[in-house]
Amino acid sequence: MKNFYMQLALNEAWKYQFLTYPNPAVGCVILDKNEKILSIKAHEKAGCNHAELNAISEAFKKLKPEISLPKEANALHEFICKNHQGIFKDSIAFVTLEPCSHQGKTPPCAKLFSELKFKKVFISVKDENKIASNGALYLKKQGIEVEFGILEEEGKKLLKPFLKWQKEQFKLFKLALSMNGSPYGKIVSNELSRTYAHQIRSAIDLLVIGGETIRADRPILDARLCKGKAPNICIKTHKNLEEFDKNIPLFKVPNRKIYTHIPEEAKFIMYEGGENFLKNFKDEIDMFLIFQSSNLNNKENIKIPLNLTPLFKANLGEDSYGIYEF
């Protein structure tokens, strides 16, 4: 059963993969003392509540629905610690990454487990970050049982983007296909899929796009569906920027930087394009985000021999999507 609960935590974290940049994606499952699931939550965005605080606050609302909780992380942490009335005593947590032990923008999660008198915390992967690590040691000193290595390999796969963009550039390729496998057409996927893609756009350092796509589609390439920040753009082209029609909407986005090369300081980079763009850059891509529509069309299917390994698959309404690596 340990693997089952940790897999639930991993699945929840994968739903927010890439959106937490520059933080890692983390998931948490809370069980009560009778091992009944109280909550399954994840870290959703950098600067917001960690997965553990999200899961505990969700469980708190389930156990005490009459109480209104504050939203800000530090206030929420303090409120729960003062008003829990022992409702989490002997509870169990499953966390994909070792709980932090330091006060940053959000409070230390290890201290929260201790204050609430959790019985045991299962952890997939040890945190090697010197600032955030030692949460497990703190928990043990408080008399809480700790067990590492639950689905550890799966936990390490979840952390791959975070570990890479800390040190060098992480490159994601986003591709949308019809049900029959065609990437052609201006709008291929549904609005939920496009909103998720826009959420990623609002988090990345740079969006890479081909000059042919810009001339043909005349896109804006912003993050309007999530009301997020429009990304800076790198246009892969053999022409000069001056040769593009400046009435194309992407050139009119305020405060946007447009490059013809990838700047060194960009650590999280997303490529968007079709078959030819994928052929040109596939060998330098770390992960692939592929949306599949529920609609068939009469356009030509993609024909690229790629041996991809699925890391996570889910549905977004009628569409589905997967995250893959070589």
Protein backbone atom coordinates (compact mmCIF):
# COMPACT_ATOMS: atom_id res chain seq x y z
CA MET A 1 0.00 0.00 0.00
CA LYS A 2 2.95 2.37 0.53
CA ASN A 3 3.59 2.39 -3.21
CA PHE A 4 -0.08 3.03 -3.93
CA TYR A 5 -0.24 6.17 -1.78
CA MET A 6 3.09 7.48 -3.05
CA GLN A 7 1.92 6.98 -6.63
CA LEU A 8 -1.09 9.17 -5.85
CA ALA A 9 1.28 11.88 -4.61
CA LEU A 10 3.47 11.54 -7.70
CA ASN A 11 0.50 11.72 -10.07
CA GLU A 12 -0.75 14.89 -8.41
CA ALA A 13 2.69 16.50 -8.66
CA TRP A 14 2.97 15.66 -12.36
CA LYS A 15 -0.20 17.67 -13.01
CA TYR A 16 1.75 20.80 -12.03
CA GLN A 17 5.06 19.83 -13.62
CA PHE A 18 6.72 22.87 -15.28
CA LEU A 19 4.26 25.28 -13.60
CA THR A 20 6.32 25.38 -10.38
CA TYR A 21 9.47 26.70 -12.09
CA PRO A 22 12.01 27.46 -10.62
CA ASN A 23 10.81 25.21 -7.79
CA PRO A 24 10.43 21.42 -8.01
CA ALA A 25 7.09 19.70 -8.59
CA VAL A 26 6.07 18.01 -5.31
CA GLY A 27 3.03 16.00 -4.26
CA CYS A 28 1.66 15.01 -0.85
CA VAL A 29 -0.97 12.59 0.43
CA ILE A 30 -2.37 12.80 3.98
CA LEU A 31 -3.92 9.79 5.74
CA ASP A 32 -5.71 9.94 9.08
CA LYS A 33 -4.76 7.64 11.97
CA ASN A 34 -7.03 4.95 10.50
CA GLU A 35 -5.20 5.23 7.15
CA LYS A 36 -8.13 6.84 5.37
CA ILE A 37 -7.17 9.38 2.69
CA LEU A 38 -7.85 12.94 3.83
CA SER A 39 -6.25 14.84 0.96
CA ILE A 40 -4.06 14.66 -2.16
CA LYS A 41 -2.42 17.95 -3.11
CA ALA A 42 0.64 19.39 -4.83
CA HIS A 43 2.83 22.47 -4.95
CA GLU A 44 1.13 24.45 -7.73
CA LYS A 45 3.26 27.54 -8.34
CA ALA A 46 6.53 29.08 -7.18
CA GLY A 47 6.05 31.33 -4.15
CA CYS A 48 2.76 29.63 -3.21
CA ASN A 49 2.06 26.98 -0.59
CA HIS A 50 4.21 23.89 -0.59
CA ALA A 51 2.52 20.56 -1.28
CA GLU A 52 2.52 19.60 2.40
CA LEU A 53 0.78 22.79 3.53
CA ASN A 54 -1.74 22.49 0.69
CA ALA A 55 -2.52 18.89 1.66
CA ILE A 56 -2.82 19.64 5.37
CA SER A 57 -5.04 22.68 4.81
CA GLU A 58 -7.28 20.61 2.51
CA ALA A 59 -7.53 17.91 5.18
CA PHE A 60 -8.21 20.57 7.83
CA LYS A 61 -11.14 21.90 5.78
CA LYS A 62 -12.53 18.39 5.46
CA LEU A 63 -12.27 17.73 9.20
CA LYS A 64 -13.39 21.21 10.32
CA PRO A 65 -15.53 22.64 7.50
CA GLU A 66 -16.99 25.30 9.77
CA ILE A 67 -13.62 27.09 10.14
CA SER A 68 -12.37 29.56 7.51
CA LEU A 69 -8.65 29.35 6.82
CA PRO A 70 -6.36 32.25 5.86
CA LYS A 71 -4.85 32.03 2.36
CA GLU A 72 -1.35 33.45 2.81
CA ALA A 73 1.18 30.66 3.50
CA ASN A 74 2.74 31.95 6.72
CA ALA A 75 -0.62 32.94 8.20
CA LEU A 76 -2.13 29.60 7.18
CA HIS A 77 0.74 27.66 8.74
CA GLU A 78 0.45 29.60 12.00
CA PHE A 79 -3.35 29.30 12.13
CA ILE A 80 -3.31 25.53 11.66
CA CYS A 81 -0.61 25.10 14.32
CA LYS A 82 -2.69 27.10 16.82
CA ASN A 83 -6.12 25.64 16.00
CA HIS A 84 -5.64 21.99 15.05
CA GLN A 85 -6.92 20.67 18.43
CA GLY A 86 -5.12 17.37 17.90
CA ILE A 87 -7.10 16.33 14.80
CA PHE A 88 -3.92 15.20 13.00
CA LYS A 89 -2.41 13.18 15.85
CA ASP A 90 -0.95 9.91 14.53
CA SER A 91 -1.68 10.86 10.91
CA ILE A 92 0.56 9.67 8.07
CA ALA A 93 2.02 11.64 5.15
CA PHE A 94 3.43 10.55 1.81
CA VAL A 95 5.65 13.19 0.20
CA THR A 96 7.53 12.91 -3.10
CA LEU A 97 10.44 15.06 -1.83
CA GLU A 98 11.91 15.37 1.67
CA PRO A 99 10.01 18.12 3.55
CA CYS A 100 11.92 21.38 3.89
CA SER A 101 13.34 22.45 7.23
CA HIS A 102 13.92 26.16 6.57
CA GLN A 103 11.86 29.33 6.51
CA GLY A 104 11.79 30.78 3.00
CA LYS A 105 8.86 32.50 1.30
CA THR A 106 6.79 29.74 2.89
CA PRO A 107 7.16 28.08 6.33
CA PRO A 108 9.11 24.85 7.00
CA CYS A 109 6.95 21.81 6.27
CA ALA A 110 8.89 19.52 8.61
CA LYS A 111 7.95 21.76 11.53
CA LEU A 112 4.29 21.59 10.50
CA PHE A 113 4.27 17.78 10.65
CA SER A 114 5.91 17.95 14.06
CA GLU A 115 3.48 20.53 15.47
CA LEU A 116 0.51 18.44 14.33
CA LYS A 117 1.93 15.25 15.92
CA PHE A 118 2.11 13.15 12.76
CA LYS A 119 3.07 9.54 13.39
CA LYS A 120 5.00 8.77 10.21
CA VAL A 121 6.23 10.46 7.02
CA PHE A 122 7.07 8.41 3.93
CA ILE A 123 9.42 10.12 1.45
CA SER A 124 10.27 9.20 -2.13
CA VAL A 125 13.46 11.23 -2.67
CA LYS A 126 15.93 12.87 -0.30
CA ASP A 127 16.40 16.61 -0.83
CA GLU A 128 20.05 17.27 -1.71
CA ASN A 129 19.62 21.06 -1.54
CA LYS A 130 21.79 22.26 1.37
CA ILE A 131 19.34 25.00 2.36
CA ALA A 132 16.13 22.94 2.27
CA SER A 133 17.48 19.55 3.37
CA ASN A 134 17.54 17.92 6.83
CA GLY A 135 13.77 17.91 7.17
CA ALA A 136 13.86 14.17 7.82
CA LEU A 137 16.48 14.61 10.53
CA TYR A 138 14.31 17.24 12.21
CA LEU A 139 11.28 14.93 12.09
CA LYS A 140 13.23 12.05 13.63
CA LYS A 141 14.41 14.30 16.47
CA GLN A 142 10.74 15.10 17.15
CA GLY A 143 9.91 11.40 17.44
CA ILE A 144 8.26 11.03 14.01
CA GLU A 145 9.04 7.89 12.02
CA VAL A 146 10.57 8.57 8.62
CA GLU A 147 11.02 6.15 5.73
CA PHE A 148 12.86 7.04 2.52
CA GLY A 149 12.90 5.44 -0.90
CA ILE A 150 9.21 4.80 -1.62
CA LEU A 151 9.04 4.67 -5.46
CA GLU A 152 12.39 6.43 -5.47
CA GLU A 153 13.10 5.99 -9.20
CA GLU A 154 9.69 7.49 -10.07
CA GLY A 155 10.38 10.33 -7.65
CA LYS A 156 13.71 11.06 -9.34
CA LYS A 157 12.01 11.22 -12.75
CA LEU A 158 9.62 13.82 -11.38
CA LEU A 159 12.60 15.93 -10.25
CA LYS A 160 14.51 15.80 -13.55
CA PRO A 161 13.41 19.22 -14.86
CA PHE A 162 14.16 20.90 -11.52
CA LEU A 163 17.62 19.33 -11.22
CA LYS A 164 18.55 20.36 -14.76
CA TRP A 165 17.27 23.94 -14.80
CA GLN A 166 19.14 24.61 -11.56
CA LYS A 167 22.44 24.13 -13.39
CA GLU A 168 21.84 24.47 -17.13
CA GLN A 169 19.13 24.87 -19.74
CA PHE A 170 16.09 22.58 -19.67
CA LYS A 171 14.30 22.28 -23.02
CA LEU A 172 10.68 21.20 -23.43
CA PHE A 173 9.00 20.62 -26.81
CA LYS A 174 5.24 21.15 -26.97
CA LEU A 175 3.31 19.49 -29.76
CA ALA A 176 -0.44 19.28 -30.39
CA LEU A 177 -1.88 16.48 -32.53
CA SER A 178 -5.32 15.52 -33.80
CA MET A 179 -6.61 12.07 -32.86
CA ASN A 180 -5.25 10.72 -36.14
CA GLY A 181 -1.81 12.20 -35.43
CA SER A 182 -1.80 15.39 -37.50
CA PRO A 183 -0.07 18.53 -36.17
CA TYR A 184 -1.56 20.72 -38.90
CA GLY A 185 -4.28 23.31 -38.39
CA LYS A 186 -4.21 26.60 -36.48
CA ILE A 187 -6.19 25.24 -33.49
CA VAL A 188 -5.68 21.52 -32.85
CA SER A 189 -6.31 21.02 -29.12
CA ASN A 190 -9.19 22.11 -26.88
CA GLU A 191 -9.27 25.17 -24.61
CA LEU A 192 -8.24 23.23 -21.47
CA SER A 193 -5.14 21.97 -23.26
CA ARG A 194 -4.34 25.41 -24.61
CA THR A 195 -4.83 26.95 -21.16
CA TYR A 196 -2.33 24.50 -19.65
CA ALA A 197 0.12 25.39 -22.44
CA HIS A 198 -0.45 29.10 -21.70
CA GLN A 199 0.24 28.46 -18.00
CA ILE A 200 3.58 26.96 -18.96
CA ARG A 201 4.26 29.90 -21.28
CA SER A 202 3.73 32.26 -18.37
CA ALA A 203 6.33 30.38 -16.29
CA ILE A 204 9.15 29.83 -18.79
CA ASP A 205 12.14 32.05 -19.53
CA LEU A 206 11.86 31.73 -23.30
CA LEU A 207 9.56 30.43 -26.04
CA VAL A 208 11.27 29.22 -29.21
CA ILE A 209 9.30 29.33 -32.46
CA GLY A 210 10.07 28.96 -36.17
CA GLY A 211 9.98 31.83 -38.63
CA GLU A 212 7.77 29.85 -41.03
CA THR A 213 5.09 29.42 -38.35
CA ILE A 214 5.14 33.15 -37.60
CA ARG A 215 4.70 34.11 -41.23
CA ALA A 216 1.96 31.51 -41.85
CA ASP A 217 -0.08 31.78 -38.63
CA ARG A 218 0.64 35.39 -37.56
CA PRO A 219 0.29 34.41 -33.87
CA ILE A 220 0.43 36.48 -30.70
CA LEU A 221 2.05 33.72 -28.55
CA ASP A 222 0.95 35.15 -25.22
CA ALA A 223 -0.54 33.58 -22.08
CA ARG A 224 -3.98 35.22 -22.26
CA LEU A 225 -5.97 32.06 -21.47
CA CYS A 226 -4.49 32.00 -17.96
CA LYS A 227 -4.10 35.78 -17.73
CA GLY A 228 -0.38 35.24 -17.32
CA LYS A 229 2.79 37.00 -18.42
CA ALA A 230 3.56 36.68 -22.14
CA PRO A 231 6.90 34.93 -22.68
CA ASN A 232 9.97 36.34 -24.35
CA ILE A 233 10.47 34.88 -27.82
CA CYS A 234 13.35 33.38 -29.78
CA ILE A 235 12.64 33.16 -33.51
CA LYS A 236 14.62 30.50 -35.34
CA THR A 237 15.02 31.98 -38.79
CA HIS A 238 17.55 32.47 -41.57
CA LYS A 239 16.22 35.99 -42.09
CA ASN A 240 16.73 39.17 -40.12
CA LEU A 241 14.02 40.31 -37.69
CA GLU A 242 13.59 43.44 -39.81
CA GLU A 243 12.19 41.30 -42.62
CA PHE A 244 9.15 40.19 -40.59
CA ASP A 245 5.89 42.08 -40.83
CA LYS A 246 5.78 44.08 -37.58
CA ASN A 247 1.97 44.01 -37.68
CA ILE A 248 2.08 40.34 -36.70
CA PRO A 249 0.55 40.36 -33.17
CA LEU A 250 3.54 38.79 -31.36
CA PHE A 251 5.64 41.88 -32.14
CA LYS A 252 3.10 44.15 -30.45
CA VAL A 253 3.19 42.54 -26.98
CA PRO A 254 4.44 45.14 -24.44
CA ASN A 255 7.76 44.57 -22.64
CA ARG A 256 8.52 41.44 -24.66
CA LYS A 257 12.11 40.66 -25.66
CA ILE A 258 12.58 39.01 -29.04
CA TYR A 259 15.79 37.16 -29.88
CA THR A 260 17.16 35.22 -32.84
CA HIS A 261 19.42 33.22 -30.50
CA ILE A 262 18.89 31.58 -27.12
CA PRO A 263 20.39 33.72 -24.32
CA GLU A 264 22.54 31.89 -21.78
CA GLU A 265 20.51 33.17 -18.84
CA ALA A 266 17.36 31.38 -20.06
CA LYS A 267 17.11 28.15 -18.03
CA PHE A 268 13.60 26.91 -18.85
CA ILE A 269 12.92 26.98 -22.57
CA MET A 270 9.87 25.71 -24.45
CA TYR A 271 9.81 24.98 -28.16
CA GLU A 272 6.49 25.10 -30.01
CA GLY A 273 6.08 23.92 -33.56
CA GLY A 274 5.14 21.18 -35.96
CA GLU A 275 6.83 18.35 -37.78
CA ASN A 276 9.76 20.17 -39.40
CA PHE A 277 10.55 22.12 -36.24
CA LEU A 278 10.53 18.89 -34.23
CA LYS A 279 12.84 17.18 -36.75
CA ASN A 280 15.33 20.04 -36.47
CA PHE A 281 15.52 20.19 -32.68
CA LYS A 282 14.41 16.80 -31.33
CA ASP A 283 17.93 15.68 -30.36
CA GLU A 284 18.48 18.58 -27.97
CA ILE A 285 15.10 18.32 -26.20
CA ASP A 286 14.88 17.04 -22.60
CA MET A 287 11.15 16.34 -22.45
CA PHE A 288 8.18 16.38 -24.80
CA LEU A 289 4.69 17.60 -23.96
CA ILE A 290 2.25 16.11 -26.47
CA PHE A 291 -1.44 16.97 -26.55
CA GLN A 292 -3.86 14.74 -28.44
CA SER A 293 -7.25 16.06 -29.50
CA SER A 294 -10.40 13.94 -29.53
CA ASN A 295 -11.08 15.19 -33.07
CA LEU A 296 -10.07 13.61 -36.36
CA ASN A 297 -9.11 15.71 -39.35
CA ASN A 298 -8.19 15.10 -42.99
CA LYS A 299 -4.71 16.61 -42.80
CA GLU A 300 -1.43 14.75 -43.15
CA ASN A 301 -0.16 12.83 -40.12
CA ILE A 302 3.22 13.43 -38.52
CA LYS A 303 5.95 11.03 -39.70
CA ILE A 304 8.95 11.12 -37.36
CA PRO A 305 10.58 7.95 -35.94
CA LEU A 306 10.84 8.87 -32.25
CA ASN A 307 11.25 6.31 -29.49
CA LEU A 308 9.73 8.11 -26.49
CA THR A 309 9.23 6.87 -22.94
CA PRO A 310 6.02 8.07 -21.23
CA LEU A 311 6.49 9.70 -17.83
CA PHE A 312 2.92 10.82 -17.19
CA LYS A 313 -0.43 10.78 -18.99
CA ALA A 314 -3.72 12.50 -18.14
CA ASN A 315 -6.90 13.92 -19.62
CA LEU A 316 -7.89 17.54 -20.09
CA GLY A 317 -11.57 17.35 -20.90
CA GLU A 318 -11.96 15.47 -24.19
CA ASP A 319 -8.24 15.87 -24.94
CA SER A 320 -5.41 13.85 -23.45
CA TYR A 321 -1.76 14.74 -22.98
CA GLY A 322 1.46 13.02 -22.11
CA ILE A 323 4.89 14.01 -20.87
CA TYR A 324 7.70 11.97 -22.47
CA GLU A 325 11.46 11.67 -22.64
CA PHE A 326 13.88 9.75 -24.86
